[in-house]
Amino acid sequence: MQFSFSYEKKKVIQGLRYHFISKQEIKWMMIFVNVFAIISAVLFYTQKIRPQPFLLGSLIWILMMGGVWYVLPYSIYNKTVAFKDQFIIYITEEVIRLENEKGIAEWQWRDFSKYFESPHFFHIYVDEKTFFLVPKENMGEAFVLELRVLLQKKFGK
């Protein structure tokens, strides 16, 4: 399978949001902060606590969501020059090969640890922090299905 692609900023930002929200530690942090905010809101409404804990919970929630939703994705996008390049990806039973005018990178399937699919991308992980996004846009439905089957086969899902 061969596919040529480039990245669209809005879709990459959304894909990075999916990446960050899929992280276990961020999920737990979101749950903890939401539970704290709800409990403090209920206690404030029933006049069991003063407004400061409620306001603190609300502020923490706003800062956390702003960080996960805006700061992290935009900072990663702006730091990564690869999101501005044009690529050709070759996917076979043995390797994934990524080419652009700057060079070639090739990985064996055993080099990857996992993958997941978001609305616009296949997220393929080397480890927890190293991954690349393969856009589904302009792939064609048959190519997407073939790639999905290959990924499920390689990762046992």
C-alpha atoms as a PDB file:
ATOM      1  CA  MET A   1       0.000   0.000   0.000  1.00  0.00           C
ATOM      2  CA  GLN A   2       1.244   3.447  -0.870  1.00  0.00           C
ATOM      3  CA  PHE A   3      -0.244   6.805   0.033  1.00  0.00           C
ATOM      4  CA  SER A   4       0.836  10.432  -0.331  1.00  0.00           C
ATOM      5  CA  PHE A   5      -0.277  12.955   2.264  1.00  0.00           C
ATOM      6  CA  SER A   6       0.273  16.254   3.984  1.00  0.00           C
ATOM      7  CA  TYR A   7      -1.231  17.518   7.205  1.00  0.00           C
ATOM      8  CA  GLU A   8      -4.064  19.985   7.702  1.00  0.00           C
ATOM      9  CA  LYS A   9      -3.566  22.099  10.837  1.00  0.00           C
ATOM     10  CA  LYS A  10      -7.138  21.888  12.206  1.00  0.00           C
ATOM     11  CA  LYS A  11      -7.239  18.120  11.827  1.00  0.00           C
ATOM     12  CA  VAL A  12      -3.779  17.669  13.353  1.00  0.00           C
ATOM     13  CA  ILE A  13      -4.810  19.756  16.367  1.00  0.00           C
ATOM     14  CA  GLN A  14      -7.890  17.547  16.769  1.00  0.00           C
ATOM     15  CA  GLY A  15      -5.757  14.408  16.367  1.00  0.00           C
ATOM     16  CA  LEU A  16      -3.343  15.654  19.042  1.00  0.00           C
ATOM     17  CA  ARG A  17      -6.299  16.279  21.351  1.00  0.00           C
ATOM     18  CA  TYR A  18      -7.337  12.653  20.893  1.00  0.00           C
ATOM     19  CA  HIS A  19      -3.761  11.625  21.668  1.00  0.00           C
ATOM     20  CA  PHE A  20      -3.645  13.584  24.926  1.00  0.00           C
ATOM     21  CA  ILE A  21      -7.125  12.599  26.075  1.00  0.00           C
ATOM     22  CA  SER A  22      -6.330   8.924  25.401  1.00  0.00           C
ATOM     23  CA  LYS A  23      -3.507   9.062  27.973  1.00  0.00           C
ATOM     24  CA  GLN A  24      -4.435   7.284  31.208  1.00  0.00           C
ATOM     25  CA  GLU A  25      -2.928   9.938  33.474  1.00  0.00           C
ATOM     26  CA  ILE A  26      -4.872  12.726  31.769  1.00  0.00           C
ATOM     27  CA  LYS A  27      -8.095  10.706  31.977  1.00  0.00           C
ATOM     28  CA  TRP A  28      -7.587  10.214  35.721  1.00  0.00           C
ATOM     29  CA  MET A  29      -6.691  13.862  36.220  1.00  0.00           C
ATOM     30  CA  MET A  30      -9.843  14.957  34.352  1.00  0.00           C
ATOM     31  CA  ILE A  31     -11.992  12.613  36.417  1.00  0.00           C
ATOM     32  CA  PHE A  32     -10.431  13.813  39.677  1.00  0.00           C
ATOM     33  CA  VAL A  33     -10.813  17.517  38.829  1.00  0.00           C
ATOM     34  CA  ASN A  34     -14.400  17.040  37.594  1.00  0.00           C
ATOM     35  CA  VAL A  35     -15.386  15.133  40.734  1.00  0.00           C
ATOM     36  CA  PHE A  36     -13.769  17.830  42.893  1.00  0.00           C
ATOM     37  CA  ALA A  37     -15.598  20.568  40.964  1.00  0.00           C
ATOM     38  CA  ILE A  38     -18.963  18.781  41.222  1.00  0.00           C
ATOM     39  CA  ILE A  39     -18.581  18.040  44.924  1.00  0.00           C
ATOM     40  CA  SER A  40     -17.495  21.600  45.672  1.00  0.00           C
ATOM     41  CA  ALA A  41     -20.426  22.964  43.620  1.00  0.00           C
ATOM     42  CA  VAL A  42     -22.915  20.788  45.523  1.00  0.00           C
ATOM     43  CA  LEU A  43     -21.399  21.698  48.879  1.00  0.00           C
ATOM     44  CA  PHE A  44     -21.380  25.384  47.955  1.00  0.00           C
ATOM     45  CA  TYR A  45     -24.999  25.216  46.791  1.00  0.00           C
ATOM     46  CA  THR A  46     -26.039  23.565  50.077  1.00  0.00           C
ATOM     47  CA  GLN A  47     -23.996  26.217  51.934  1.00  0.00           C
ATOM     48  CA  LYS A  48     -21.717  23.670  53.590  1.00  0.00           C
ATOM     49  CA  ILE A  49     -18.572  25.428  52.317  1.00  0.00           C
ATOM     50  CA  ARG A  50     -17.534  28.941  51.422  1.00  0.00           C
ATOM     51  CA  PRO A  51     -17.203  29.952  47.759  1.00  0.00           C
ATOM     52  CA  GLN A  52     -13.385  29.671  47.670  1.00  0.00           C
ATOM     53  CA  PRO A  53     -13.200  25.849  47.213  1.00  0.00           C
ATOM     54  CA  PHE A  54     -15.872  26.051  44.529  1.00  0.00           C
ATOM     55  CA  LEU A  55     -14.009  28.844  42.742  1.00  0.00           C
ATOM     56  CA  LEU A  56     -10.714  26.968  43.127  1.00  0.00           C
ATOM     57  CA  GLY A  57     -12.259  23.817  41.614  1.00  0.00           C
ATOM     58  CA  SER A  58     -13.688  25.829  38.746  1.00  0.00           C
ATOM     59  CA  LEU A  59     -10.368  27.568  38.114  1.00  0.00           C
ATOM     60  CA  ILE A  60      -8.450  24.266  38.161  1.00  0.00           C
ATOM     61  CA  TRP A  61     -10.990  22.753  35.762  1.00  0.00           C
ATOM     62  CA  ILE A  62     -10.734  25.712  33.348  1.00  0.00           C
ATOM     63  CA  LEU A  63      -6.912  25.685  33.442  1.00  0.00           C
ATOM     64  CA  MET A  64      -6.703  21.922  32.951  1.00  0.00           C
ATOM     65  CA  MET A  65      -9.150  21.855  30.052  1.00  0.00           C
ATOM     66  CA  GLY A  66      -7.460  24.870  28.464  1.00  0.00           C
ATOM     67  CA  GLY A  67      -4.112  23.128  28.777  1.00  0.00           C
ATOM     68  CA  VAL A  68      -5.260  19.799  27.354  1.00  0.00           C
ATOM     69  CA  TRP A  69      -7.531  21.297  24.699  1.00  0.00           C
ATOM     70  CA  TYR A  70      -5.433  24.252  23.502  1.00  0.00           C
ATOM     71  CA  VAL A  71      -1.946  24.637  24.974  1.00  0.00           C
ATOM     72  CA  LEU A  72      -0.622  21.077  24.524  1.00  0.00           C
ATOM     73  CA  PRO A  73      -1.879  20.456  20.954  1.00  0.00           C
ATOM     74  CA  TYR A  74      -0.849  23.871  19.629  1.00  0.00           C
ATOM     75  CA  SER A  75       2.581  23.733  21.268  1.00  0.00           C
ATOM     76  CA  ILE A  76       3.278  20.266  19.826  1.00  0.00           C
ATOM     77  CA  TYR A  77       2.012  21.352  16.405  1.00  0.00           C
ATOM     78  CA  ASN A  78       4.197  24.468  16.406  1.00  0.00           C
ATOM     79  CA  LYS A  79       7.315  22.564  17.555  1.00  0.00           C
ATOM     80  CA  THR A  80       6.977  19.741  15.014  1.00  0.00           C
ATOM     81  CA  VAL A  81       8.178  20.785  11.576  1.00  0.00           C
ATOM     82  CA  ALA A  82       7.041  17.460  10.083  1.00  0.00           C
ATOM     83  CA  PHE A  83       3.418  18.632  10.193  1.00  0.00           C
ATOM     84  CA  LYS A  84       4.270  21.104   7.444  1.00  0.00           C
ATOM     85  CA  ASP A  85       5.870  18.540   5.084  1.00  0.00           C
ATOM     86  CA  GLN A  86       4.515  16.347   2.292  1.00  0.00           C
ATOM     87  CA  PHE A  87       5.004  12.575   2.784  1.00  0.00           C
ATOM     88  CA  ILE A  88       4.682   9.297   0.960  1.00  0.00           C
ATOM     89  CA  ILE A  89       4.018   6.298   3.174  1.00  0.00           C
ATOM     90  CA  TYR A  90       4.549   2.703   2.069  1.00  0.00           C
ATOM     91  CA  ILE A  91       2.866   0.068   4.196  1.00  0.00           C
ATOM     92  CA  THR A  92       3.658  -3.613   3.677  1.00  0.00           C
ATOM     93  CA  GLU A  93       3.343  -6.761   5.750  1.00  0.00           C
ATOM     94  CA  GLU A  94       6.944  -6.280   6.927  1.00  0.00           C
ATOM     95  CA  VAL A  95       7.583  -2.522   7.239  1.00  0.00           C
ATOM     96  CA  ILE A  96       6.237   0.991   7.292  1.00  0.00           C
ATOM     97  CA  ARG A  97       8.353   3.371   5.237  1.00  0.00           C
ATOM     98  CA  LEU A  98       7.931   7.132   5.346  1.00  0.00           C
ATOM     99  CA  GLU A  99       9.530   9.376   2.717  1.00  0.00           C
ATOM    100  CA  ASN A 100       9.774  13.087   2.060  1.00  0.00           C
ATOM    101  CA  GLU A 101      12.276  15.356   0.340  1.00  0.00           C
ATOM    102  CA  LYS A 102      14.442  15.370   3.488  1.00  0.00           C
ATOM    103  CA  GLY A 103      14.884  11.627   3.728  1.00  0.00           C
ATOM    104  CA  ILE A 104      13.484   8.187   4.421  1.00  0.00           C
ATOM    105  CA  ALA A 105      12.537   6.468   7.677  1.00  0.00           C
ATOM    106  CA  GLU A 106      11.624   2.805   7.912  1.00  0.00           C
ATOM    107  CA  TRP A 107      10.239   0.787  10.825  1.00  0.00           C
ATOM    108  CA  GLN A 108       9.597  -2.894  11.270  1.00  0.00           C
ATOM    109  CA  TRP A 109       6.172  -3.727  12.670  1.00  0.00           C
ATOM    110  CA  ARG A 110       7.801  -5.057  15.847  1.00  0.00           C
ATOM    111  CA  ASP A 111       9.082  -1.490  16.504  1.00  0.00           C
ATOM    112  CA  PHE A 112       5.513  -0.340  17.158  1.00  0.00           C
ATOM    113  CA  SER A 113       3.696  -0.822  20.427  1.00  0.00           C
ATOM    114  CA  LYS A 114       0.086   0.054  19.605  1.00  0.00           C
ATOM    115  CA  TYR A 115      -2.283   2.052  17.467  1.00  0.00           C
ATOM    116  CA  PHE A 116      -5.680   3.637  17.694  1.00  0.00           C
ATOM    117  CA  GLU A 117      -8.006   5.317  15.277  1.00  0.00           C
ATOM    118  CA  SER A 118      -9.558   8.757  15.586  1.00  0.00           C
ATOM    119  CA  PRO A 119     -11.979  10.374  13.136  1.00  0.00           C
ATOM    120  CA  HIS A 120      -9.240  11.790  10.888  1.00  0.00           C
ATOM    121  CA  PHE A 121      -6.131   9.706  11.676  1.00  0.00           C
ATOM    122  CA  PHE A 122      -4.548   6.394  12.460  1.00  0.00           C
ATOM    123  CA  HIS A 123      -2.260   7.030  15.460  1.00  0.00           C
ATOM    124  CA  ILE A 124       0.643   4.555  15.292  1.00  0.00           C
ATOM    125  CA  TYR A 125       2.860   4.454  18.391  1.00  0.00           C
ATOM    126  CA  VAL A 126       6.495   3.469  18.734  1.00  0.00           C
ATOM    127  CA  ASP A 127       6.224   4.094  22.483  1.00  0.00           C
ATOM    128  CA  GLU A 128       4.006   6.187  24.761  1.00  0.00           C
ATOM    129  CA  LYS A 129       5.432   9.489  23.552  1.00  0.00           C
ATOM    130  CA  THR A 130       6.664   8.693  20.049  1.00  0.00           C
ATOM    131  CA  PHE A 131       3.996   8.298  17.427  1.00  0.00           C
ATOM    132  CA  PHE A 132       2.951   9.481  14.036  1.00  0.00           C
ATOM    133  CA  LEU A 133      -0.368  10.356  12.518  1.00  0.00           C
ATOM    134  CA  VAL A 134      -1.477   8.804   9.243  1.00  0.00           C
ATOM    135  CA  PRO A 135      -4.327  10.914   7.836  1.00  0.00           C
ATOM    136  CA  LYS A 136      -7.363   9.109   6.467  1.00  0.00           C
ATOM    137  CA  GLU A 137      -8.280  12.027   4.224  1.00  0.00           C
ATOM    138  CA  ASN A 138      -7.939  11.212   0.505  1.00  0.00           C
ATOM    139  CA  MET A 139      -7.156   7.558   1.278  1.00  0.00           C
ATOM    140  CA  GLY A 140     -10.292   6.081  -0.172  1.00  0.00           C
ATOM    141  CA  GLU A 141     -12.604   3.747   1.694  1.00  0.00           C
ATOM    142  CA  ALA A 142     -10.972   0.560   0.369  1.00  0.00           C
ATOM    143  CA  PHE A 143      -7.512   1.741   1.471  1.00  0.00           C
ATOM    144  CA  VAL A 144      -8.823   2.678   4.937  1.00  0.00           C
ATOM    145  CA  LEU A 145     -10.433  -0.748   5.338  1.00  0.00           C
ATOM    146  CA  GLU A 146      -7.300  -2.537   4.133  1.00  0.00           C
ATOM    147  CA  LEU A 147      -5.097  -0.534   6.496  1.00  0.00           C
ATOM    148  CA  ARG A 148      -7.496  -1.096   9.402  1.00  0.00           C
ATOM    149  CA  VAL A 149      -7.400  -4.866   8.794  1.00  0.00           C
ATOM    150  CA  LEU A 150      -3.588  -4.838   8.603  1.00  0.00           C
ATOM    151  CA  LEU A 151      -3.286  -2.822  11.827  1.00  0.00           C
ATOM    152  CA  GLN A 152      -5.694  -5.129  13.641  1.00  0.00           C
ATOM    153  CA  LYS A 153      -3.712  -8.120  12.398  1.00  0.00           C
ATOM    154  CA  LYS A 154      -0.368  -6.646  13.470  1.00  0.00           C
ATOM    155  CA  PHE A 155      -1.566  -5.474  16.887  1.00  0.00           C
ATOM    156  CA  GLY A 156      -3.954  -8.321  17.638  1.00  0.00           C
ATOM    157  CA  LYS A 157      -7.092  -6.262  18.190  1.00  0.00           C
END
